[in-house]
């Protein structure tokens, strides 16, 4: 009887030991699975194709074999293929140097990204040369460049930046079409004004209405123009908006752009027709806004549907 019990006990202990050994293998295998790291197999550089005249941040996204993705911008090695056209920092920030085209790639652990195209174009800020600080173009006084593919910028006494009304050449470059503001299309201007040199510099310029938005002109044609400048980071700024009348000119508080700069046409080459004043976002009545003529400071008003010049402000 005792022998029989001993045999059963031996069998039980042996089974337990064997089972325990097998369990240990399972735990070890599980830990091995947990410790296995996802492997990087591809790098995607973005943007893949862009026109620049100011600095541009490029991003590197790593793709892993477990289906995940991660931002690896700061751990890859960046390289611009033609350093005469542009240069890059270790962070992926690219600085344009000369007009031309080149490519940028990112590399890590023997894996190389796709090639991102860098197209360095003539600056869209009038008076600015690629490779220089944008500040060199503020208050540019060339009377002949406003009608070309660029936008003039002036600064008031508070450091606010103002844009002149755009040329038709620039509007065409941005993909705008001539339509009323409530046509349903975002990128529109109301009409063309042909300056003959009497009040403003020779050339064709865009006029805007304030239709297509709410009763305060928000999201109207003029507002959308300023919003678009923000969306493209024009001149490195992301906060372009419609101006207040007092920001353009305040003849009571003696402040604003006109007070600071005087005749914007004679002094800085801005378009400035006699009957095409600059819009503001300041209401005059339930169906009109204040306007300012920037060659003599005249303050007027115009209905939503009127076609006027447009200046956007970055504060």
Protein backbone atom coordinates (compact mmCIF):
# COMPACT_ATOMS: atom_id res chain seq x y z
CA UNK A 1 0.00 0.00 0.00
CA UNK A 2 2.82 2.38 0.93
CA UNK A 3 4.69 1.50 -2.26
CA UNK A 4 1.57 2.31 -4.25
CA UNK A 5 1.26 5.73 -2.58
CA UNK A 6 4.94 6.49 -3.16
CA UNK A 7 4.56 5.67 -6.84
CA UNK A 8 1.61 8.05 -7.16
CA UNK A 9 3.51 10.79 -5.32
CA UNK A 10 6.55 10.33 -7.59
CA UNK A 11 4.37 10.50 -10.68
CA UNK A 12 2.70 13.71 -9.42
CA UNK A 13 6.01 15.45 -8.59
CA UNK A 14 7.54 14.43 -11.90
CA UNK A 15 4.51 15.78 -13.74
CA UNK A 16 4.67 19.03 -11.83
CA UNK A 17 8.36 19.53 -12.59
CA UNK A 18 7.87 18.77 -16.27
CA UNK A 19 4.88 21.07 -16.48
CA UNK A 20 6.79 23.82 -14.69
CA UNK A 21 9.66 23.52 -17.15
CA UNK A 22 7.30 23.79 -20.09
CA UNK A 23 5.63 26.86 -18.51
CA UNK A 24 9.02 28.52 -18.12
CA UNK A 25 9.66 28.04 -21.84
CA UNK A 26 6.31 29.65 -22.58
CA UNK A 27 7.15 32.66 -20.37
CA UNK A 28 10.57 33.03 -21.99
CA UNK A 29 9.05 32.87 -25.47
CA UNK A 30 6.43 35.46 -24.47
CA UNK A 31 9.10 37.82 -23.17
CA UNK A 32 11.02 37.41 -26.40
CA UNK A 33 7.93 38.39 -28.35
CA UNK A 34 7.39 41.44 -26.15
CA UNK A 35 11.02 42.53 -26.50
CA UNK A 36 10.97 42.33 -30.30
CA UNK A 37 11.09 45.90 -31.65
CA UNK A 38 9.38 47.16 -34.78
CA UNK A 39 11.83 47.68 -37.63
CA UNK A 40 11.99 50.85 -39.72
CA UNK A 41 11.63 50.08 -43.42
CA UNK A 42 10.77 53.40 -45.11
CA UNK A 43 11.08 57.18 -44.68
CA UNK A 44 8.67 59.65 -46.24
CA UNK A 45 9.74 63.29 -46.63
CA UNK A 46 7.10 66.02 -46.82
CA UNK A 47 6.24 68.29 -48.47
CA UNK A 48 7.23 66.34 -51.56
CA UNK A 49 7.13 69.33 -53.93
CA UNK A 50 6.91 72.99 -52.91
CA UNK A 51 7.77 76.49 -54.15
CA UNK A 52 9.68 78.53 -51.58
CA UNK A 53 11.21 81.99 -51.28
CA UNK A 54 11.51 81.88 -47.47
CA UNK A 55 12.61 79.13 -45.09
CA UNK A 56 10.64 75.86 -45.16
CA UNK A 57 10.39 73.12 -42.52
CA UNK A 58 10.55 69.59 -43.94
CA UNK A 59 9.27 66.58 -42.01
CA UNK A 60 10.38 62.95 -42.01
CA UNK A 61 7.87 60.20 -41.17
CA UNK A 62 9.18 56.73 -40.37
CA UNK A 63 7.18 53.67 -41.39
CA UNK A 64 7.61 50.47 -39.36
CA UNK A 65 6.95 46.81 -40.12
CA UNK A 66 4.30 46.56 -37.40
CA UNK A 67 2.14 49.07 -39.28
CA UNK A 68 2.96 52.09 -37.11
CA UNK A 69 4.36 55.48 -38.14
CA UNK A 70 6.38 58.05 -36.20
CA UNK A 71 7.83 61.52 -36.63
CA UNK A 72 11.59 61.03 -36.98
CA UNK A 73 12.40 64.52 -38.28
CA UNK A 74 14.95 65.23 -35.55
CA UNK A 75 16.84 61.94 -35.67
CA UNK A 76 17.44 61.53 -39.40
CA UNK A 77 20.33 63.05 -41.31
CA UNK A 78 19.17 65.67 -43.82
CA UNK A 79 20.90 66.47 -47.09
CA UNK A 80 20.18 69.06 -49.79
CA UNK A 81 21.67 67.89 -53.08
CA UNK A 82 22.61 71.35 -54.39
CA UNK A 83 23.85 73.70 -51.69
CA UNK A 84 24.06 76.60 -54.11
CA UNK A 85 20.25 76.63 -54.34
CA UNK A 86 19.43 75.91 -50.68
CA UNK A 87 20.86 74.62 -47.41
CA UNK A 88 19.38 72.64 -44.54
CA UNK A 89 19.81 72.42 -40.79
CA UNK A 90 19.89 69.16 -38.83
CA UNK A 91 16.25 69.84 -37.92
CA UNK A 92 15.12 69.66 -41.55
CA UNK A 93 14.66 73.43 -41.87
CA UNK A 94 15.62 74.55 -45.38
CA UNK A 95 16.85 78.05 -46.23
CA UNK A 96 16.70 79.16 -49.89
CA UNK A 97 19.84 80.80 -51.25
CA UNK A 98 19.38 81.26 -54.98
CA UNK A 99 16.57 80.78 -57.49
CA UNK A 100 16.64 77.24 -58.86
CA UNK A 101 15.58 73.66 -58.21
CA UNK A 102 17.12 70.97 -56.05
CA UNK A 103 16.11 68.02 -53.88
CA UNK A 104 16.25 67.05 -50.22
CA UNK A 105 16.58 63.57 -48.71
CA UNK A 106 16.63 62.09 -45.21
CA UNK A 107 18.67 59.06 -44.14
CA UNK A 108 19.06 56.85 -41.08
CA UNK A 109 20.48 53.35 -40.53
CA UNK A 110 21.08 52.89 -44.24
CA UNK A 111 17.49 53.72 -45.17
CA UNK A 112 17.02 56.68 -47.53
CA UNK A 113 13.78 58.60 -48.03
CA UNK A 114 12.02 59.70 -51.16
CA UNK A 115 13.35 62.90 -52.74
CA UNK A 116 11.52 66.10 -51.82
CA UNK A 117 11.59 68.74 -54.54
CA UNK A 118 12.74 72.24 -53.54
CA UNK A 119 11.75 74.92 -56.04
CA UNK A 120 13.26 78.25 -55.04
CA UNK A 121 11.25 80.94 -56.82
CA UNK A 122 11.45 84.72 -57.13
CA UNK A 123 10.10 86.21 -53.90
CA UNK A 124 6.39 87.01 -53.72
CA UNK A 125 7.19 90.02 -51.53
CA UNK A 126 7.98 93.08 -53.63
CA UNK A 127 11.56 94.24 -53.12
CA UNK A 128 12.70 91.04 -51.41
CA UNK A 129 15.65 89.08 -52.78
CA UNK A 130 15.87 85.36 -52.05
CA UNK A 131 18.46 84.69 -49.39
CA UNK A 132 17.89 88.00 -47.58
CA UNK A 133 15.75 88.63 -44.52
CA UNK A 134 12.15 89.58 -45.30
CA UNK A 135 12.69 92.78 -43.28
CA UNK A 136 14.78 94.12 -46.17
CA UNK A 137 11.59 94.42 -48.26
CA UNK A 138 9.37 96.19 -45.73
CA UNK A 139 8.48 99.73 -46.87
CA UNK A 140 9.88 99.07 -50.34
CA UNK A 141 9.48 102.30 -52.33
CA UNK A 142 9.89 101.04 -55.89
CA UNK A 143 7.05 102.58 -57.91
CA UNK A 144 7.27 100.01 -60.71
CA UNK A 145 7.00 96.60 -59.04
CA UNK A 146 3.47 96.57 -57.56
CA UNK A 147 1.98 95.37 -60.86
CA UNK A 148 4.29 92.34 -61.05
CA UNK A 149 3.99 88.93 -59.36
CA UNK A 150 4.54 90.21 -55.83
CA UNK A 151 2.79 92.04 -53.01
CA UNK A 152 4.11 95.15 -51.30
CA UNK A 153 4.32 95.39 -47.49
CA UNK A 154 4.47 98.54 -45.36
CA UNK A 155 4.82 98.90 -41.60
CA UNK A 156 3.13 101.43 -39.30
CA UNK A 157 4.49 102.98 -36.09
CA UNK A 158 3.23 100.02 -34.03
CA UNK A 159 5.07 97.41 -36.07
CA UNK A 160 1.95 96.17 -37.89
CA UNK A 161 2.43 94.97 -41.46
CA UNK A 162 0.03 95.96 -44.26
CA UNK A 163 -0.22 94.59 -47.80
CA UNK A 164 -1.06 96.60 -50.88
CA UNK A 165 -3.88 95.43 -53.12
CA UNK A 166 -2.59 92.58 -55.33
CA UNK A 167 -1.74 92.73 -59.00
CA UNK A 168 -3.68 90.61 -61.48
CA UNK A 169 -0.44 88.79 -62.24
CA UNK A 170 -0.16 87.68 -58.60
CA UNK A 171 -3.86 86.73 -58.41
CA UNK A 172 -3.45 84.58 -61.52
CA UNK A 173 -0.43 82.88 -59.96
CA UNK A 174 -2.53 82.05 -56.88
CA UNK A 175 -5.29 80.60 -59.06
CA UNK A 176 -7.90 83.34 -58.57
CA UNK A 177 -10.76 84.07 -60.97
CA UNK A 178 -12.87 87.19 -61.56
CA UNK A 179 -16.29 86.55 -59.99
CA UNK A 180 -18.60 88.21 -57.48
CA UNK A 181 -17.86 87.30 -53.88
CA UNK A 182 -21.01 85.23 -53.37
CA UNK A 183 -20.44 83.02 -56.43
CA UNK A 184 -19.62 80.06 -54.20
CA UNK A 185 -15.94 79.90 -55.12
CA UNK A 186 -13.30 80.74 -52.52
CA UNK A 187 -10.51 82.18 -54.67
CA UNK A 188 -12.15 85.12 -56.41
CA UNK A 189 -11.73 88.85 -56.93
CA UNK A 190 -14.52 91.19 -58.03
CA UNK A 191 -12.91 93.09 -60.90
CA UNK A 192 -9.79 94.50 -62.52
CA UNK A 193 -8.67 98.11 -62.17
CA UNK A 194 -6.27 99.45 -64.77
CA UNK A 195 -4.10 102.17 -63.23
CA UNK A 196 -2.83 104.66 -65.82
CA UNK A 197 -0.25 106.37 -63.62
CA UNK A 198 -2.45 109.32 -62.65
CA UNK A 199 -3.12 108.24 -59.06
CA UNK A 200 -1.36 104.89 -58.81
CA UNK A 201 1.46 103.03 -60.58
CA UNK A 202 0.78 101.68 -64.06
CA UNK A 203 -0.65 98.17 -64.11
CA UNK A 204 -3.67 95.97 -63.54
CA UNK A 205 -4.80 95.35 -59.97
CA UNK A 206 -7.46 93.30 -58.24
CA UNK A 207 -10.58 94.79 -56.68
CA UNK A 208 -12.65 92.97 -54.05
CA UNK A 209 -16.19 93.09 -52.68
CA UNK A 210 -17.36 91.89 -49.25
CA UNK A 211 -20.07 89.52 -50.46
CA UNK A 212 -20.31 85.84 -49.60
CA UNK A 213 -19.92 86.16 -45.84
CA UNK A 214 -22.01 87.18 -42.85
CA UNK A 215 -23.41 90.62 -42.02
CA UNK A 216 -19.98 91.71 -40.75
CA UNK A 217 -18.16 90.58 -43.89
CA UNK A 218 -16.60 87.56 -42.18
CA UNK A 219 -15.75 84.99 -44.88
CA UNK A 220 -16.68 87.52 -47.54
CA UNK A 221 -14.47 87.99 -50.60
CA UNK A 222 -12.13 90.52 -48.97
CA UNK A 223 -11.86 88.41 -45.81
CA UNK A 224 -11.12 85.26 -47.82
CA UNK A 225 -8.25 87.02 -49.57
CA UNK A 226 -6.62 87.76 -46.21
CA UNK A 227 -7.36 84.22 -45.00
CA UNK A 228 -5.56 82.84 -48.04
CA UNK A 229 -2.47 84.91 -47.29
CA UNK A 230 -2.47 83.35 -43.82
CA UNK A 231 -2.91 79.82 -45.17
CA UNK A 232 0.15 80.15 -47.44
CA UNK A 233 2.18 81.81 -44.67
CA UNK A 234 2.74 84.87 -46.83
CA UNK A 235 5.94 86.70 -45.85
CA UNK A 236 6.29 84.22 -42.98
CA UNK A 237 3.08 85.39 -41.26
CA UNK A 238 0.01 83.29 -40.41
CA UNK A 239 -2.30 85.98 -39.01
CA UNK A 240 -3.30 88.17 -41.95
CA UNK A 241 -6.75 89.71 -41.52
CA UNK A 242 -8.92 92.59 -42.67
CA UNK A 243 -7.92 96.02 -41.41
CA UNK A 244 -9.95 98.32 -39.21
CA UNK A 245 -10.53 101.80 -40.58
CA UNK A 246 -8.49 103.25 -37.69
CA UNK A 247 -5.58 100.95 -38.57
CA UNK A 248 -5.48 102.40 -42.06
CA UNK A 249 -6.08 105.98 -40.93
CA UNK A 250 -7.51 107.70 -37.88
CA UNK A 251 -7.65 111.47 -38.33
CA UNK A 252 -8.93 111.94 -34.77
CA UNK A 253 -6.31 109.94 -32.88
CA UNK A 254 -3.70 110.71 -35.56
CA UNK A 255 -2.67 107.10 -35.98
CA UNK A 256 -2.73 104.34 -38.56
CA UNK A 257 -0.81 103.51 -41.72
CA UNK A 258 -1.54 106.76 -43.57
CA UNK A 259 -0.61 108.89 -40.56
CA UNK A 260 2.68 106.97 -40.25
CA UNK A 261 3.61 106.86 -43.93
CA UNK A 262 1.69 109.57 -45.75
CA UNK A 263 0.88 109.18 -49.45
CA UNK A 264 1.25 105.42 -50.03
CA UNK A 265 1.21 105.87 -53.81
CA UNK A 266 3.83 108.59 -54.12
CA UNK A 267 6.02 107.32 -51.28
CA UNK A 268 5.77 103.54 -51.70
CA UNK A 269 4.27 102.82 -55.11
CA UNK A 270 0.95 101.36 -53.91
CA UNK A 271 -2.06 101.27 -56.23
CA UNK A 272 -4.44 104.04 -55.19
CA UNK A 273 -7.22 105.12 -57.55
CA UNK A 274 -9.35 108.21 -56.92
CA UNK A 275 -12.61 106.30 -56.58
CA UNK A 276 -11.26 102.90 -55.53
CA UNK A 277 -10.46 103.32 -51.86
CA UNK A 278 -9.17 100.59 -49.54
CA UNK A 279 -11.69 98.46 -47.68
CA UNK A 280 -11.81 98.12 -43.92
CA UNK A 281 -13.78 95.74 -41.70
CA UNK A 282 -15.30 98.67 -39.79
CA UNK A 283 -19.07 98.92 -40.38
CA UNK A 284 -20.49 102.26 -41.46
CA UNK A 285 -24.08 100.98 -41.43
CA UNK A 286 -25.92 97.67 -41.68
CA UNK A 287 -24.98 97.38 -45.35
CA UNK A 288 -21.71 99.28 -45.71
CA UNK A 289 -18.12 99.51 -44.44
CA UNK A 290 -15.67 102.36 -43.92
CA UNK A 291 -13.05 102.89 -46.63
CA UNK A 292 -9.79 104.87 -46.77
CA UNK A 293 -8.00 106.49 -49.69
CA UNK A 294 -4.34 105.97 -49.00
CA UNK A 295 -2.88 108.76 -51.09
CA UNK A 296 -4.64 111.56 -49.17
CA UNK A 297 -6.28 109.95 -46.11
CA UNK A 298 -9.88 110.51 -47.23
CA UNK A 299 -12.32 108.36 -45.22
CA UNK A 300 -15.45 107.18 -47.00
CA UNK A 301 -17.80 104.20 -47.06
CA UNK A 302 -19.04 101.62 -49.54
CA UNK A 303 -21.71 98.92 -49.73
CA UNK A 304 -20.91 95.20 -49.50
CA UNK A 305 -21.15 94.83 -53.28
CA UNK A 306 -18.78 97.70 -54.09
CA UNK A 307 -15.46 96.91 -55.75
CA UNK A 308 -12.54 98.33 -53.79
CA UNK A 309 -8.85 97.79 -53.12
CA UNK A 310 -7.90 95.45 -50.27
CA UNK A 311 -5.17 95.65 -47.65
CA UNK A 312 -4.58 92.91 -45.07
CA UNK A 313 -2.87 93.49 -41.73
CA UNK A 314 -0.57 91.24 -39.69
CA UNK A 315 -0.26 92.41 -36.08
